[in-house]
Amino acid sequence: MASKKVFIVIPCYNEEKVIKKVIKDIKNEGWKNIILVDDGSTDNTLQKAKEEKVFVLRHVINRGKGAAVKTGLEFAKTKDADIVVTIDGDGQNNPKEIKKMVKKIEEGFDVVMGTRFKKKKNKIPTFNKLANKFANVLIFLVYGIMVSDSQSGFRAYSKKALKLLDLKMDRYEFDSEVIREIARNKLKYTEIPIDVFYTEYSKSKKQKQNLVNGIKTMVRIILSQ
């Protein structure tokens, strides 16, 4: 891994309560090239991130999670990144698992997708399970690829994938759009089981997926064809 330029992208919106810990946990795993994209936060997320001395980018207005990830990916490309890992900014993901994602890219995969549904110990809310299953089926019908967690934002990308992915969507449908690009470009992909930590804090986030947002996401995916 030492020979590869690995960048970690953290999209976030109003995460002042946890963002310093998220960044520190990533640093503690040995990752130094960290890009935080503040998607128009109205709290102190931006200032707290700057205190951690990482690359900090900011959208003046809230554009959506997908837009924040795209900004991070584009910035990583300007730094000649070999591998980019995207991880949520609310503390739900486990930074210790970044290493195994990077390893999979080094083994020859173009995209590695974390899946929350292949670890029995993960206590996933019923709504999330049902919504994800529905989304997986829809993604298969639209794009022809069946995955177990089409909505996971914890992913890794090779330099080849970064060059080929043509991503347009700005909100939660972005995660599904990546799967379309995998199919379109015939990229080599895999899924690996990941931990997920649902806390009262993360479940209270208003911008997270809910029934209304889920329906909007599915409609956008269908209309984008």
C-alpha atoms as a PDB file:
ATOM      1  CA  MET A   1       0.000   0.000   0.000  1.00  0.00           C
ATOM      2  CA  ALA A   2       2.917   2.355   0.669  1.00  0.00           C
ATOM      3  CA  SER A   3       3.586   2.618  -3.079  1.00  0.00           C
ATOM      4  CA  LYS A   4       0.030   3.768  -3.801  1.00  0.00           C
ATOM      5  CA  LYS A   5      -1.411   7.235  -3.298  1.00  0.00           C
ATOM      6  CA  VAL A   6      -4.550   6.569  -1.295  1.00  0.00           C
ATOM      7  CA  PHE A   7      -7.036   9.339  -0.526  1.00  0.00           C
ATOM      8  CA  ILE A   8      -9.997   9.167   1.833  1.00  0.00           C
ATOM      9  CA  VAL A   9     -13.042  11.291   0.924  1.00  0.00           C
ATOM     10  CA  ILE A  10     -15.546  12.245   3.636  1.00  0.00           C
ATOM     11  CA  PRO A  11     -18.766  13.922   2.441  1.00  0.00           C
ATOM     12  CA  CYS A  12     -20.545  15.598   5.338  1.00  0.00           C
ATOM     13  CA  TYR A  13     -23.372  17.949   6.258  1.00  0.00           C
ATOM     14  CA  ASN A  14     -23.905  19.293   9.774  1.00  0.00           C
ATOM     15  CA  GLU A  15     -21.676  16.761  11.532  1.00  0.00           C
ATOM     16  CA  GLU A  16     -20.037  19.046  14.111  1.00  0.00           C
ATOM     17  CA  LYS A  17     -20.743  16.589  16.946  1.00  0.00           C
ATOM     18  CA  VAL A  18     -18.787  13.707  15.446  1.00  0.00           C
ATOM     19  CA  ILE A  19     -16.586  14.898  12.584  1.00  0.00           C
ATOM     20  CA  LYS A  20     -13.409  15.387  14.640  1.00  0.00           C
ATOM     21  CA  LYS A  21     -13.670  11.820  15.951  1.00  0.00           C
ATOM     22  CA  VAL A  22     -14.322  10.450  12.453  1.00  0.00           C
ATOM     23  CA  ILE A  23     -11.207  12.173  11.129  1.00  0.00           C
ATOM     24  CA  LYS A  24      -9.052  11.139  14.099  1.00  0.00           C
ATOM     25  CA  ASP A  25     -10.188   7.511  13.803  1.00  0.00           C
ATOM     26  CA  ILE A  26      -9.156   7.502  10.140  1.00  0.00           C
ATOM     27  CA  LYS A  27      -5.786   9.064  10.973  1.00  0.00           C
ATOM     28  CA  ASN A  28      -5.253   6.472  13.710  1.00  0.00           C
ATOM     29  CA  GLU A  29      -5.447   3.772  11.028  1.00  0.00           C
ATOM     30  CA  GLY A  30      -2.508   5.358   9.242  1.00  0.00           C
ATOM     31  CA  TRP A  31      -4.275   7.314   6.489  1.00  0.00           C
ATOM     32  CA  LYS A  32      -2.936  10.825   5.940  1.00  0.00           C
ATOM     33  CA  ASN A  33      -4.507  11.998   2.668  1.00  0.00           C
ATOM     34  CA  ILE A  34      -7.960  12.919   3.917  1.00  0.00           C
ATOM     35  CA  ILE A  35     -10.375  15.099   1.942  1.00  0.00           C
ATOM     36  CA  LEU A  36     -13.409  16.446   3.771  1.00  0.00           C
ATOM     37  CA  VAL A  37     -16.170  17.975   1.650  1.00  0.00           C
ATOM     38  CA  ASP A  38     -18.517  20.155   3.671  1.00  0.00           C
ATOM     39  CA  ASP A  39     -21.805  20.250   1.780  1.00  0.00           C
ATOM     40  CA  GLY A  40     -23.033  23.652   2.906  1.00  0.00           C
ATOM     41  CA  SER A  41     -23.227  22.906   6.627  1.00  0.00           C
ATOM     42  CA  THR A  42     -24.945  25.506   8.822  1.00  0.00           C
ATOM     43  CA  ASP A  43     -23.166  24.414  12.017  1.00  0.00           C
ATOM     44  CA  ASN A  44     -19.463  24.330  12.965  1.00  0.00           C
ATOM     45  CA  THR A  45     -18.533  21.297  10.866  1.00  0.00           C
ATOM     46  CA  LEU A  46     -16.233  23.347   8.628  1.00  0.00           C
ATOM     47  CA  GLN A  47     -14.239  24.888  11.472  1.00  0.00           C
ATOM     48  CA  LYS A  48     -13.869  21.602  13.357  1.00  0.00           C
ATOM     49  CA  ALA A  49     -12.612  19.892  10.205  1.00  0.00           C
ATOM     50  CA  LYS A  50     -10.067  22.629   9.582  1.00  0.00           C
ATOM     51  CA  GLU A  51      -8.714  22.109  13.093  1.00  0.00           C
ATOM     52  CA  GLU A  52      -7.767  18.549  12.084  1.00  0.00           C
ATOM     53  CA  LYS A  53      -5.500  19.835   9.297  1.00  0.00           C
ATOM     54  CA  VAL A  54      -6.929  17.823   6.421  1.00  0.00           C
ATOM     55  CA  PHE A  55      -7.895  18.935   2.921  1.00  0.00           C
ATOM     56  CA  VAL A  56     -11.167  20.810   3.400  1.00  0.00           C
ATOM     57  CA  LEU A  57     -13.471  21.708   0.513  1.00  0.00           C
ATOM     58  CA  ARG A  58     -16.815  23.437   0.861  1.00  0.00           C
ATOM     59  CA  HIS A  59     -20.027  23.850  -1.098  1.00  0.00           C
ATOM     60  CA  VAL A  60     -21.555  27.256  -0.367  1.00  0.00           C
ATOM     61  CA  ILE A  61     -25.021  25.695  -0.471  1.00  0.00           C
ATOM     62  CA  ASN A  62     -26.218  22.188   0.342  1.00  0.00           C
ATOM     63  CA  ARG A  63     -26.132  20.273  -2.954  1.00  0.00           C
ATOM     64  CA  GLY A  64     -26.482  16.691  -1.764  1.00  0.00           C
ATOM     65  CA  LYS A  65     -24.321  13.753  -0.718  1.00  0.00           C
ATOM     66  CA  GLY A  66     -23.571  12.709  -4.291  1.00  0.00           C
ATOM     67  CA  ALA A  67     -22.371  16.193  -5.182  1.00  0.00           C
ATOM     68  CA  ALA A  68     -20.063  16.196  -2.157  1.00  0.00           C
ATOM     69  CA  VAL A  69     -18.590  12.825  -3.116  1.00  0.00           C
ATOM     70  CA  LYS A  70     -18.051  13.970  -6.696  1.00  0.00           C
ATOM     71  CA  THR A  71     -16.232  17.083  -5.509  1.00  0.00           C
ATOM     72  CA  GLY A  72     -13.978  14.904  -3.369  1.00  0.00           C
ATOM     73  CA  LEU A  73     -13.275  12.467  -6.194  1.00  0.00           C
ATOM     74  CA  GLU A  74     -12.410  15.265  -8.602  1.00  0.00           C
ATOM     75  CA  PHE A  75     -10.037  16.832  -6.084  1.00  0.00           C
ATOM     76  CA  ALA A  76      -8.363  13.469  -5.479  1.00  0.00           C
ATOM     77  CA  LYS A  77      -7.821  13.133  -9.223  1.00  0.00           C
ATOM     78  CA  THR A  78      -5.964  16.466  -9.256  1.00  0.00           C
ATOM     79  CA  LYS A  79      -3.650  14.951  -6.627  1.00  0.00           C
ATOM     80  CA  ASP A  80      -3.007  11.966  -8.918  1.00  0.00           C
ATOM     81  CA  ALA A  81      -4.684   9.518  -6.539  1.00  0.00           C
ATOM     82  CA  ASP A  82      -4.252   5.817  -7.282  1.00  0.00           C
ATOM     83  CA  ILE A  83      -7.059   4.740  -4.960  1.00  0.00           C
ATOM     84  CA  VAL A  84      -9.910   6.688  -3.365  1.00  0.00           C
ATOM     85  CA  VAL A  85     -12.064   5.441  -0.511  1.00  0.00           C
ATOM     86  CA  THR A  86     -15.322   7.216   0.337  1.00  0.00           C
ATOM     87  CA  ILE A  87     -16.621   6.971   3.898  1.00  0.00           C
ATOM     88  CA  ASP A  88     -19.625   8.574   5.604  1.00  0.00           C
ATOM     89  CA  GLY A  89     -19.076  11.502   7.947  1.00  0.00           C
ATOM     90  CA  ASP A  90     -21.590  10.494  10.626  1.00  0.00           C
ATOM     91  CA  GLY A  91     -19.519   7.757  12.235  1.00  0.00           C
ATOM     92  CA  GLN A  92     -21.558   4.808  10.947  1.00  0.00           C
ATOM     93  CA  ASN A  93     -18.598   3.232   9.145  1.00  0.00           C
ATOM     94  CA  ASN A  94     -15.517   1.568  10.622  1.00  0.00           C
ATOM     95  CA  PRO A  95     -12.218   3.148   9.480  1.00  0.00           C
ATOM     96  CA  LYS A  96     -10.415  -0.088  10.343  1.00  0.00           C
ATOM     97  CA  GLU A  97     -12.032  -1.578   7.233  1.00  0.00           C
ATOM     98  CA  ILE A  98     -10.477   0.926   4.824  1.00  0.00           C
ATOM     99  CA  LYS A  99      -7.381  -1.256   4.625  1.00  0.00           C
ATOM    100  CA  LYS A 100      -9.234  -4.307   3.289  1.00  0.00           C
ATOM    101  CA  MET A 101     -10.961  -2.146   0.670  1.00  0.00           C
ATOM    102  CA  VAL A 102      -7.627  -0.805  -0.523  1.00  0.00           C
ATOM    103  CA  LYS A 103      -6.261  -4.344  -0.638  1.00  0.00           C
ATOM    104  CA  LYS A 104      -9.094  -5.440  -2.930  1.00  0.00           C
ATOM    105  CA  ILE A 105      -8.303  -2.597  -5.330  1.00  0.00           C
ATOM    106  CA  GLU A 106      -4.656  -3.648  -5.299  1.00  0.00           C
ATOM    107  CA  GLU A 107      -5.776  -7.180  -6.158  1.00  0.00           C
ATOM    108  CA  GLY A 108      -7.247  -5.866  -9.393  1.00  0.00           C
ATOM    109  CA  PHE A 109     -10.793  -4.709  -8.699  1.00  0.00           C
ATOM    110  CA  ASP A 110     -11.929  -1.327 -10.014  1.00  0.00           C
ATOM    111  CA  VAL A 111     -14.724  -0.711  -7.520  1.00  0.00           C
ATOM    112  CA  VAL A 112     -15.170  -2.182  -4.044  1.00  0.00           C
ATOM    113  CA  MET A 113     -18.551  -1.733  -2.367  1.00  0.00           C
ATOM    114  CA  GLY A 114     -19.089  -2.224   1.333  1.00  0.00           C
ATOM    115  CA  THR A 115     -22.198  -4.196   2.227  1.00  0.00           C
ATOM    116  CA  ARG A 116     -23.899  -3.870   5.601  1.00  0.00           C
ATOM    117  CA  PHE A 117     -26.079  -6.912   5.045  1.00  0.00           C
ATOM    118  CA  LYS A 118     -23.488  -9.687   5.117  1.00  0.00           C
ATOM    119  CA  LYS A 119     -22.502  -9.319   8.760  1.00  0.00           C
ATOM    120  CA  LYS A 120     -25.020 -10.953  11.065  1.00  0.00           C
ATOM    121  CA  LYS A 121     -23.929  -8.865  14.029  1.00  0.00           C
ATOM    122  CA  ASN A 122     -25.096  -5.649  12.340  1.00  0.00           C
ATOM    123  CA  LYS A 123     -28.379  -4.539  13.869  1.00  0.00           C
ATOM    124  CA  ILE A 124     -30.004  -2.842  10.924  1.00  0.00           C
ATOM    125  CA  PRO A 125     -33.413  -1.124  11.311  1.00  0.00           C
ATOM    126  CA  THR A 126     -36.241  -2.932   9.528  1.00  0.00           C
ATOM    127  CA  PHE A 127     -37.023   0.039   7.285  1.00  0.00           C
ATOM    128  CA  ASN A 128     -33.429   0.142   6.073  1.00  0.00           C
ATOM    129  CA  LYS A 129     -33.506  -3.572   5.257  1.00  0.00           C
ATOM    130  CA  LEU A 130     -36.756  -3.354   3.293  1.00  0.00           C
ATOM    131  CA  ALA A 131     -35.794  -0.156   1.473  1.00  0.00           C
ATOM    132  CA  ASN A 132     -32.441  -1.610   0.491  1.00  0.00           C
ATOM    133  CA  LYS A 133     -33.968  -4.832  -0.850  1.00  0.00           C
ATOM    134  CA  PHE A 134     -36.399  -2.835  -2.958  1.00  0.00           C
ATOM    135  CA  ALA A 135     -33.578  -0.627  -4.241  1.00  0.00           C
ATOM    136  CA  ASN A 136     -31.423  -3.663  -5.065  1.00  0.00           C
ATOM    137  CA  VAL A 137     -34.169  -5.181  -7.193  1.00  0.00           C
ATOM    138  CA  LEU A 138     -34.817  -1.900  -8.979  1.00  0.00           C
ATOM    139  CA  ILE A 139     -31.099  -1.444  -9.657  1.00  0.00           C
ATOM    140  CA  PHE A 140     -30.964  -4.965 -11.117  1.00  0.00           C
ATOM    141  CA  LEU A 141     -33.953  -4.299 -13.374  1.00  0.00           C
ATOM    142  CA  VAL A 142     -32.541  -0.967 -14.561  1.00  0.00           C
ATOM    143  CA  TYR A 143     -28.794  -1.664 -14.733  1.00  0.00           C
ATOM    144  CA  GLY A 144     -28.553  -5.460 -14.848  1.00  0.00           C
ATOM    145  CA  ILE A 145     -26.309  -5.843 -11.797  1.00  0.00           C
ATOM    146  CA  MET A 146     -27.497  -7.416  -8.545  1.00  0.00           C
ATOM    147  CA  VAL A 147     -25.721  -6.273  -5.396  1.00  0.00           C
ATOM    148  CA  SER A 148     -26.618  -6.765  -1.747  1.00  0.00           C
ATOM    149  CA  ASP A 149     -26.232  -3.120  -0.695  1.00  0.00           C
ATOM    150  CA  SER A 150     -26.806  -0.654  -3.503  1.00  0.00           C
ATOM    151  CA  GLN A 151     -27.085   2.289  -1.111  1.00  0.00           C
ATOM    152  CA  SER A 152     -23.797   1.909   0.763  1.00  0.00           C
ATOM    153  CA  GLY A 153     -21.522   4.945   0.583  1.00  0.00           C
ATOM    154  CA  PHE A 154     -18.458   3.146   1.945  1.00  0.00           C
ATOM    155  CA  ARG A 155     -16.612   2.300  -1.269  1.00  0.00           C
ATOM    156  CA  ALA A 156     -13.216   2.259  -2.950  1.00  0.00           C
ATOM    157  CA  TYR A 157     -12.247   3.213  -6.499  1.00  0.00           C
ATOM    158  CA  SER A 158      -9.199   2.481  -8.639  1.00  0.00           C
ATOM    159  CA  LYS A 159      -7.514   5.068 -10.848  1.00  0.00           C
ATOM    160  CA  LYS A 160      -9.128   3.406 -13.857  1.00  0.00           C
ATOM    161  CA  ALA A 161     -12.590   3.748 -12.312  1.00  0.00           C
ATOM    162  CA  LEU A 162     -11.976   7.382 -11.376  1.00  0.00           C
ATOM    163  CA  LYS A 163     -11.132   8.101 -15.005  1.00  0.00           C
ATOM    164  CA  LEU A 164     -14.123   6.292 -16.511  1.00  0.00           C
ATOM    165  CA  LEU A 165     -16.993   7.049 -14.126  1.00  0.00           C
ATOM    166  CA  ASP A 166     -19.333   9.655 -15.625  1.00  0.00           C
ATOM    167  CA  LEU A 167     -21.441  10.712 -12.650  1.00  0.00           C
ATOM    168  CA  LYS A 168     -24.220  13.304 -12.912  1.00  0.00           C
ATOM    169  CA  MET A 169     -26.546  12.854  -9.948  1.00  0.00           C
ATOM    170  CA  ASP A 170     -26.137  14.928  -6.811  1.00  0.00           C
ATOM    171  CA  ARG A 171     -28.147  13.268  -4.065  1.00  0.00           C
ATOM    172  CA  TYR A 172     -28.650   9.753  -2.721  1.00  0.00           C
ATOM    173  CA  GLU A 173     -29.226   8.312  -6.179  1.00  0.00           C
ATOM    174  CA  PHE A 174     -25.504   8.876  -6.750  1.00  0.00           C
ATOM    175  CA  ASP A 175     -24.703   5.546  -5.037  1.00  0.00           C
ATOM    176  CA  SER A 176     -26.939   3.744  -7.516  1.00  0.00           C
ATOM    177  CA  GLU A 177     -25.534   5.696 -10.454  1.00  0.00           C
ATOM    178  CA  VAL A 178     -22.099   4.268  -9.678  1.00  0.00           C
ATOM    179  CA  ILE A 179     -23.545   0.799 -10.331  1.00  0.00           C
ATOM    180  CA  ARG A 180     -24.805   1.992 -13.709  1.00  0.00           C
ATOM    181  CA  GLU A 181     -21.287   3.143 -14.536  1.00  0.00           C
ATOM    182  CA  ILE A 182     -19.838  -0.192 -13.452  1.00  0.00           C
ATOM    183  CA  ALA A 183     -22.140  -1.888 -15.954  1.00  0.00           C
ATOM    184  CA  ARG A 184     -21.560   0.655 -18.720  1.00  0.00           C
ATOM    185  CA  ASN A 185     -17.774   0.515 -18.465  1.00  0.00           C
ATOM    186  CA  LYS A 186     -17.578  -3.215 -17.646  1.00  0.00           C
ATOM    187  CA  LEU A 187     -15.587  -2.469 -14.513  1.00  0.00           C
ATOM    188  CA  LYS A 188     -14.442  -5.274 -12.242  1.00  0.00           C
ATOM    189  CA  TYR A 189     -16.247  -4.947  -8.922  1.00  0.00           C
ATOM    190  CA  THR A 190     -16.776  -6.790  -5.676  1.00  0.00           C
ATOM    191  CA  GLU A 191     -18.633  -6.426  -2.376  1.00  0.00           C
ATOM    192  CA  ILE A 192     -17.124  -6.948   1.054  1.00  0.00           C
ATOM    193  CA  PRO A 193     -18.943  -7.182   4.405  1.00  0.00           C
ATOM    194  CA  ILE A 194     -18.611  -4.070   6.574  1.00  0.00           C
ATOM    195  CA  ASP A 195     -19.607  -3.020  10.065  1.00  0.00           C
ATOM    196  CA  VAL A 196     -22.295  -0.409  10.549  1.00  0.00           C
ATOM    197  CA  PHE A 197     -22.905   1.520  13.749  1.00  0.00           C
ATOM    198  CA  TYR A 198     -26.433   2.871  14.104  1.00  0.00           C
ATOM    199  CA  THR A 199     -26.416   5.342  16.981  1.00  0.00           C
ATOM    200  CA  GLU A 200     -29.187   7.603  18.237  1.00  0.00           C
ATOM    201  CA  TYR A 201     -27.210  10.443  16.679  1.00  0.00           C
ATOM    202  CA  SER A 202     -26.910   8.891  13.220  1.00  0.00           C
ATOM    203  CA  LYS A 203     -30.548   7.762  13.195  1.00  0.00           C
ATOM    204  CA  SER A 204     -31.691  11.281  14.077  1.00  0.00           C
ATOM    205  CA  LYS A 205     -30.065  12.861  11.049  1.00  0.00           C
ATOM    206  CA  LYS A 206     -32.830  14.488   9.007  1.00  0.00           C
ATOM    207  CA  GLN A 207     -30.928  14.322   5.729  1.00  0.00           C
ATOM    208  CA  LYS A 208     -30.509  10.535   5.906  1.00  0.00           C
ATOM    209  CA  GLN A 209     -32.645   8.320   3.717  1.00  0.00           C
ATOM    210  CA  ASN A 210     -36.297   8.013   4.741  1.00  0.00           C
ATOM    211  CA  LEU A 211     -39.431   6.858   2.926  1.00  0.00           C
ATOM    212  CA  VAL A 212     -39.982  10.143   1.080  1.00  0.00           C
ATOM    213  CA  ASN A 213     -36.324  10.519   0.095  1.00  0.00           C
ATOM    214  CA  GLY A 214     -36.223   6.862  -0.899  1.00  0.00           C
ATOM    215  CA  ILE A 215     -39.159   7.266  -3.273  1.00  0.00           C
ATOM    216  CA  LYS A 216     -37.604  10.412  -4.768  1.00  0.00           C
ATOM    217  CA  THR A 217     -34.333   8.555  -5.254  1.00  0.00           C
ATOM    218  CA  MET A 218     -35.982   5.677  -7.082  1.00  0.00           C
ATOM    219  CA  VAL A 219     -37.948   8.054  -9.325  1.00  0.00           C
ATOM    220  CA  ARG A 220     -34.762   9.941 -10.260  1.00  0.00           C
ATOM    221  CA  ILE A 221     -33.007   6.671 -11.110  1.00  0.00           C
ATOM    222  CA  ILE A 222     -35.855   5.599 -13.405  1.00  0.00           C
ATOM    223  CA  LEU A 223     -36.144   9.007 -15.083  1.00  0.00           C
ATOM    224  CA  SER A 224     -32.395   9.160 -15.677  1.00  0.00           C
ATOM    225  CA  GLN A 225     -32.575   6.279 -18.178  1.00  0.00           C
END
